[in-house]
Amino acid sequence: MKNVLDEIIDLMEGAGTRQIETGVPGLSMIKGDIPAHQLAALYEPMIGFTVQGTKILSIGERSTNLEGPSYYVLPVHVPATGSVHPDRNGRPYMSLGLKLNQNVLQSLLRDLPENLLPTASEHFTACEMDIEFMEAWLRLMRLSKTLRDIPALAPAYEREILYRVLMGPQGWYLRQFGLRESNLSKMSHIVQWFRGNFMRPIDIGEMASKSGMAINTFHRQFKRATGLSPIQFQKQLRLLEARNLIAFEGYPVASAAYQVGYQSPSQFNREYSRFFGSSPARDTENLRRIESTRD
């Protein structure tokens, strides 16, 4: 396994502290001391492979250590914060990400016998890598050096990675992502609505009705899918957008607060400080200083 991991690390030589596309559709890489503000983001549905080092990802009130080599599954868009750390020998954090393609997954599910498919999963966690799974990632990474082979081989390697995740401890979540009528898919559609409408007041009763669920069931399914209540989800989307407006688009704090849907600047300041760990003004100063040293 060490030889496989070493070759993956060699193929990631061009990675840096900003996410880089590899040339293989949907496959990206990143490494090094990634600033915490960059890790506070809306994460897209993906399979993440922590190659080396550790990422601590916080979703809602729960933090999960993702120590490499391991993988994890995010089946829906979810706001999160995080930090990364070198491995025990001081080698830099490194990871790969593969975007989830629902069409590819549905095609794979149609080809698998029903009795092979998982019926339950553990909570979001780091999952162990076996040699066969790691070799599938290596084959996909090698394509970044042989671009002419991508159209013919990338789909096959992507299906293999999806298959091995389906057969693993997070397979149920992946299966639910691929089933259009599953509760997870319904929550995914609600999340998509949130992404475009987070500034508007939300009507939980209306959302539950559209999902064909009672309000209590809707709350439970939404939190199971995202780790957050609908109100928490909306609030964190608002805060992430406000941070971008203040730090990188020059909005005054009060204007950014109103722009994302807050009516009370004092409430905005409290919730911003709680989520990001410092006031908007202090956080903005720190972000601009970090970005100026990287450019």
Protein backbone atom coordinates (compact mmCIF):
# COMPACT_ATOMS: atom_id res chain seq x y z
CA MET A 1 0.00 0.00 0.00
CA LYS A 2 2.89 2.37 0.76
CA ASN A 3 4.14 2.22 -2.84
CA VAL A 4 0.68 3.11 -4.15
CA LEU A 5 0.37 6.00 -1.70
CA ASP A 6 3.86 7.26 -2.58
CA GLU A 7 3.00 7.34 -6.29
CA ILE A 8 -0.22 9.27 -5.59
CA ILE A 9 1.81 11.79 -3.58
CA ASP A 10 4.30 12.12 -6.45
CA LEU A 11 1.44 12.76 -8.88
CA MET A 12 0.21 15.55 -6.59
CA GLU A 13 3.48 17.44 -6.90
CA GLY A 14 1.75 20.38 -8.61
CA ALA A 15 -0.87 20.85 -5.89
CA GLY A 16 -0.91 23.95 -3.70
CA THR A 17 -2.94 25.62 -1.00
CA ARG A 18 -5.69 26.55 -3.47
CA GLN A 19 -7.78 23.78 -5.02
CA ILE A 20 -6.41 22.76 -8.41
CA GLU A 21 -8.21 20.78 -11.12
CA THR A 22 -6.17 17.80 -12.29
CA GLY A 23 -7.43 17.67 -15.89
CA VAL A 24 -9.53 14.62 -15.05
CA PRO A 25 -13.20 15.71 -14.94
CA GLY A 26 -14.40 16.20 -11.38
CA LEU A 27 -11.02 15.38 -9.77
CA SER A 28 -9.20 18.10 -7.83
CA MET A 29 -6.27 18.24 -5.42
CA ILE A 30 -4.92 20.47 -2.67
CA LYS A 31 -2.03 20.37 -0.20
CA GLY A 32 -0.18 22.36 2.41
CA ASP A 33 -1.13 24.79 5.14
CA ILE A 34 -4.57 25.80 3.86
CA PRO A 35 -5.92 28.93 5.59
CA ALA A 36 -8.91 28.31 7.85
CA HIS A 37 -11.00 30.94 6.03
CA GLN A 38 -10.64 28.97 2.80
CA LEU A 39 -11.94 25.86 4.57
CA ALA A 40 -15.03 27.72 5.81
CA ALA A 41 -17.17 27.13 2.76
CA LEU A 42 -20.17 25.47 1.20
CA TYR A 43 -18.84 22.00 0.39
CA GLU A 44 -20.26 20.29 -2.68
CA PRO A 45 -21.32 16.62 -2.92
CA MET A 46 -18.08 14.70 -3.18
CA ILE A 47 -15.88 11.81 -2.15
CA GLY A 48 -12.85 13.16 -0.32
CA PHE A 49 -9.57 11.25 -0.03
CA THR A 50 -7.27 12.48 2.73
CA VAL A 51 -3.94 11.32 1.35
CA GLN A 52 -1.67 12.60 4.10
CA GLY A 53 -2.06 14.61 7.29
CA THR A 54 -5.39 15.42 8.93
CA LYS A 55 -8.40 17.59 8.18
CA ILE A 56 -10.76 18.48 11.01
CA LEU A 57 -14.15 19.25 9.47
CA SER A 58 -16.85 20.86 11.61
CA ILE A 59 -20.48 20.59 10.49
CA GLY A 60 -22.90 22.10 12.95
CA GLU A 61 -21.79 21.15 16.45
CA ARG A 62 -19.90 18.04 15.38
CA SER A 63 -16.22 17.94 14.43
CA THR A 64 -14.73 14.92 12.64
CA ASN A 65 -11.03 14.04 12.34
CA LEU A 66 -10.22 12.90 8.82
CA GLU A 67 -6.75 11.43 9.19
CA GLY A 68 -5.02 10.08 6.12
CA PRO A 69 -5.02 7.78 4.40
CA SER A 70 -8.82 7.65 4.58
CA TYR A 71 -11.88 8.75 2.65
CA TYR A 72 -15.22 10.36 3.43
CA VAL A 73 -18.52 11.07 1.66
CA LEU A 74 -20.47 14.33 1.52
CA PRO A 75 -23.72 13.45 -0.29
CA VAL A 76 -25.23 16.98 -0.27
CA HIS A 77 -24.01 20.57 -0.27
CA VAL A 78 -23.22 21.53 3.32
CA PRO A 79 -21.64 24.59 4.98
CA ALA A 80 -18.69 23.68 7.17
CA THR A 81 -15.55 25.03 8.77
CA GLY A 82 -12.25 23.24 9.10
CA SER A 83 -8.54 23.14 9.73
CA VAL A 84 -5.72 21.02 8.32
CA HIS A 85 -2.59 19.65 9.95
CA PRO A 86 0.61 17.88 8.81
CA ASP A 87 1.06 14.19 9.54
CA ARG A 88 2.98 12.87 12.54
CA ASN A 89 6.26 13.18 10.65
CA GLY A 90 5.63 16.81 9.69
CA ARG A 91 4.74 16.06 6.06
CA PRO A 92 2.13 18.42 4.62
CA TYR A 93 -1.59 17.80 4.46
CA MET A 94 -2.68 16.48 1.04
CA SER A 95 -6.09 15.51 -0.29
CA LEU A 96 -8.05 14.66 -3.42
CA GLY A 97 -11.71 15.34 -4.13
CA LEU A 98 -14.02 13.66 -6.64
CA LYS A 99 -17.31 15.45 -7.37
CA LEU A 100 -20.36 13.21 -7.17
CA ASN A 101 -22.09 12.83 -10.52
CA GLN A 102 -25.66 11.66 -9.96
CA ASN A 103 -26.06 10.40 -13.55
CA VAL A 104 -22.97 8.21 -13.30
CA LEU A 105 -24.09 6.89 -9.94
CA GLN A 106 -27.60 6.09 -11.21
CA SER A 107 -26.13 4.17 -14.14
CA LEU A 108 -23.98 2.16 -11.74
CA LEU A 109 -26.91 1.44 -9.42
CA ARG A 110 -28.93 0.05 -12.34
CA ASP A 111 -26.13 -2.43 -13.02
CA LEU A 112 -25.93 -3.75 -9.46
CA PRO A 113 -28.15 -6.46 -7.95
CA GLU A 114 -30.46 -5.06 -5.27
CA ASN A 115 -29.19 -7.53 -2.68
CA LEU A 116 -25.65 -6.10 -2.98
CA LEU A 117 -26.68 -2.57 -2.05
CA PRO A 118 -26.27 -1.28 1.52
CA THR A 119 -29.31 -0.58 3.68
CA ALA A 120 -27.63 1.49 6.42
CA SER A 121 -24.52 3.61 7.02
CA GLU A 122 -22.48 4.94 9.88
CA HIS A 123 -22.62 8.65 10.63
CA PHE A 124 -20.25 10.92 8.70
CA THR A 125 -16.78 9.64 9.49
CA ALA A 126 -13.34 8.84 8.11
CA CYS A 127 -13.33 5.43 6.40
CA GLU A 128 -10.34 3.14 6.04
CA MET A 129 -8.74 2.68 2.61
CA ASP A 130 -7.88 -0.80 1.37
CA ILE A 131 -5.33 -1.44 -1.35
CA GLU A 132 -7.91 -2.02 -4.12
CA PHE A 133 -9.64 1.28 -3.40
CA MET A 134 -6.37 3.18 -3.26
CA GLU A 135 -5.26 1.65 -6.57
CA ALA A 136 -8.47 2.91 -8.19
CA TRP A 137 -7.58 6.47 -7.13
CA LEU A 138 -4.06 5.96 -8.43
CA ARG A 139 -5.33 4.89 -11.84
CA LEU A 140 -7.55 7.97 -11.97
CA MET A 141 -4.64 10.23 -10.94
CA ARG A 142 -2.31 8.72 -13.55
CA LEU A 143 -4.66 10.01 -16.24
CA SER A 144 -3.58 13.56 -15.35
CA LYS A 145 -0.30 12.66 -17.10
CA THR A 146 -1.91 10.95 -20.11
CA LEU A 147 -4.72 13.30 -21.10
CA ARG A 148 -5.53 11.42 -24.31
CA ASP A 149 -6.66 8.43 -22.22
CA ILE A 150 -9.16 10.41 -20.13
CA PRO A 151 -12.28 10.05 -22.34
CA ALA A 152 -11.89 6.27 -22.57
CA LEU A 153 -10.66 5.38 -19.08
CA ALA A 154 -11.81 8.05 -16.60
CA PRO A 155 -15.48 6.90 -16.62
CA ALA A 156 -14.43 3.33 -15.80
CA TYR A 157 -12.17 4.38 -12.93
CA GLU A 158 -14.82 6.76 -11.60
CA ARG A 159 -17.37 3.92 -11.57
CA GLU A 160 -14.92 1.71 -9.70
CA ILE A 161 -14.41 4.36 -7.02
CA LEU A 162 -18.17 4.82 -6.67
CA TYR A 163 -18.66 1.05 -6.50
CA ARG A 164 -16.09 0.64 -3.72
CA VAL A 165 -17.67 3.49 -1.73
CA LEU A 166 -21.10 1.88 -2.21
CA MET A 167 -19.75 -1.34 -0.72
CA GLY A 168 -18.18 0.48 2.23
CA PRO A 169 -19.41 1.95 5.53
CA GLN A 170 -20.75 5.15 3.86
CA GLY A 171 -22.38 3.28 0.98
CA TRP A 172 -25.97 3.89 2.09
CA TYR A 173 -25.55 7.66 1.81
CA LEU A 174 -24.08 7.31 -1.66
CA ARG A 175 -26.94 5.04 -2.70
CA GLN A 176 -29.49 7.54 -1.40
CA PHE A 177 -27.82 10.32 -3.39
CA GLY A 178 -28.35 8.24 -6.53
CA LEU A 179 -32.03 7.45 -5.92
CA ARG A 180 -34.15 10.35 -7.17
CA GLU A 181 -37.10 9.63 -4.87
CA SER A 182 -35.10 9.00 -1.69
CA ASN A 183 -35.41 11.31 1.29
CA LEU A 184 -31.78 12.33 0.79
CA SER A 185 -32.50 13.36 -2.80
CA LYS A 186 -35.50 15.37 -1.61
CA MET A 187 -33.27 17.12 0.92
CA SER A 188 -30.72 17.75 -1.82
CA HIS A 189 -33.38 19.62 -3.82
CA ILE A 190 -34.25 21.68 -0.74
CA VAL A 191 -30.56 22.48 -0.26
CA GLN A 192 -30.38 23.63 -3.87
CA TRP A 193 -33.31 25.96 -3.18
CA PHE A 194 -31.53 27.32 -0.10
CA ARG A 195 -28.42 28.10 -2.14
CA GLY A 196 -30.36 30.45 -4.38
CA ASN A 197 -32.76 31.84 -1.78
CA PHE A 198 -30.88 32.02 1.52
CA MET A 199 -31.62 35.77 1.84
CA ARG A 200 -35.38 35.15 1.92
CA PRO A 201 -37.43 34.18 5.00
CA ILE A 202 -38.08 30.45 5.06
CA ASP A 203 -41.39 28.68 5.60
CA ILE A 204 -40.62 25.26 7.08
CA GLY A 205 -44.24 24.15 6.69
CA GLU A 206 -44.18 24.92 2.97
CA MET A 207 -40.85 23.11 2.50
CA ALA A 208 -42.10 20.08 4.38
CA SER A 209 -45.27 20.01 2.29
CA LYS A 210 -43.29 20.17 -0.97
CA SER A 211 -41.20 17.26 0.26
CA GLY A 212 -44.32 15.26 1.13
CA MET A 213 -43.36 15.11 4.82
CA ALA A 214 -44.72 16.16 8.18
CA ILE A 215 -42.78 19.07 9.70
CA ASN A 216 -41.08 16.91 12.36
CA THR A 217 -40.07 14.35 9.74
CA PHE A 218 -38.75 17.10 7.47
CA HIS A 219 -36.60 18.53 10.30
CA ARG A 220 -35.23 15.07 11.10
CA GLN A 221 -34.42 14.20 7.48
CA PHE A 222 -32.84 17.59 6.80
CA LYS A 223 -30.54 17.28 9.81
CA ARG A 224 -29.68 13.70 8.91
CA ALA A 225 -28.64 14.83 5.43
CA THR A 226 -26.74 18.00 6.36
CA GLY A 227 -25.90 17.81 10.06
CA LEU A 228 -27.78 21.11 10.53
CA SER A 229 -31.33 22.29 11.11
CA PRO A 230 -32.85 24.30 8.23
CA ILE A 231 -32.45 27.53 10.25
CA GLN A 232 -28.80 26.75 11.03
CA PHE A 233 -28.17 25.91 7.38
CA GLN A 234 -29.65 29.21 6.20
CA LYS A 235 -27.75 31.17 8.84
CA GLN A 236 -24.40 29.68 7.87
CA LEU A 237 -25.00 30.32 4.17
CA ARG A 238 -25.75 33.94 5.04
CA LEU A 239 -22.61 34.29 7.13
CA LEU A 240 -20.37 32.76 4.45
CA GLU A 241 -21.77 35.14 1.83
CA ALA A 242 -21.48 38.14 4.16
CA ARG A 243 -17.85 37.30 4.87
CA ASN A 244 -17.08 37.34 1.17
CA LEU A 245 -18.89 40.66 0.70
CA ILE A 246 -17.06 42.34 3.58
CA ALA A 247 -13.56 40.93 3.10
CA PHE A 248 -13.27 40.76 -0.68
CA GLU A 249 -15.93 43.05 -2.17
CA GLY A 250 -15.54 45.99 0.19
CA TYR A 251 -19.03 46.09 1.71
CA PRO A 252 -19.43 47.87 5.07
CA VAL A 253 -20.42 45.43 7.80
CA ALA A 254 -23.98 46.74 8.21
CA SER A 255 -24.58 46.77 4.44
CA ALA A 256 -23.39 43.18 4.10
CA ALA A 257 -25.64 42.12 6.98
CA TYR A 258 -28.72 43.62 5.32
CA GLN A 259 -27.68 42.27 1.92
CA VAL A 260 -27.75 38.66 3.15
CA GLY A 261 -31.02 39.00 5.02
CA TYR A 262 -30.21 40.20 8.55
CA GLN A 263 -32.42 42.94 10.02
CA SER A 264 -30.30 43.49 13.13
CA PRO A 265 -26.59 44.43 12.77
CA SER A 266 -25.96 43.54 16.41
CA GLN A 267 -27.40 40.04 15.91
CA PHE A 268 -25.29 39.69 12.77
CA ASN A 269 -22.13 40.66 14.67
CA ARG A 270 -22.85 38.15 17.43
CA GLU A 271 -23.54 35.28 15.06
CA TYR A 272 -20.58 36.16 12.81
CA SER A 273 -18.21 36.18 15.80
CA ARG A 274 -19.59 32.88 17.06
CA PHE A 275 -19.24 31.15 13.68
CA PHE A 276 -15.87 32.53 12.54
CA GLY A 277 -14.25 33.11 15.93
CA SER A 278 -13.75 36.88 15.67
CA SER A 279 -15.66 40.05 14.86
CA PRO A 280 -16.30 41.01 11.21
CA ALA A 281 -13.77 43.86 11.36
CA ARG A 282 -11.00 41.78 12.96
CA ASP A 283 -11.72 38.79 10.74
CA THR A 284 -11.61 40.95 7.60
CA GLU A 285 -8.29 42.47 8.60
CA ASN A 286 -6.84 39.01 9.13
CA LEU A 287 -8.21 37.64 5.84
CA ARG A 288 -6.82 40.52 3.79
CA ARG A 289 -3.43 40.17 5.46
CA ILE A 290 -3.31 36.42 4.70
CA GLU A 291 -4.38 36.93 1.09
CA SER A 292 -1.83 39.71 0.53
CA THR A 293 1.01 37.43 1.61
CA ARG A 294 -0.18 34.69 -0.80
CA ASP A 295 -0.51 36.85 -3.93
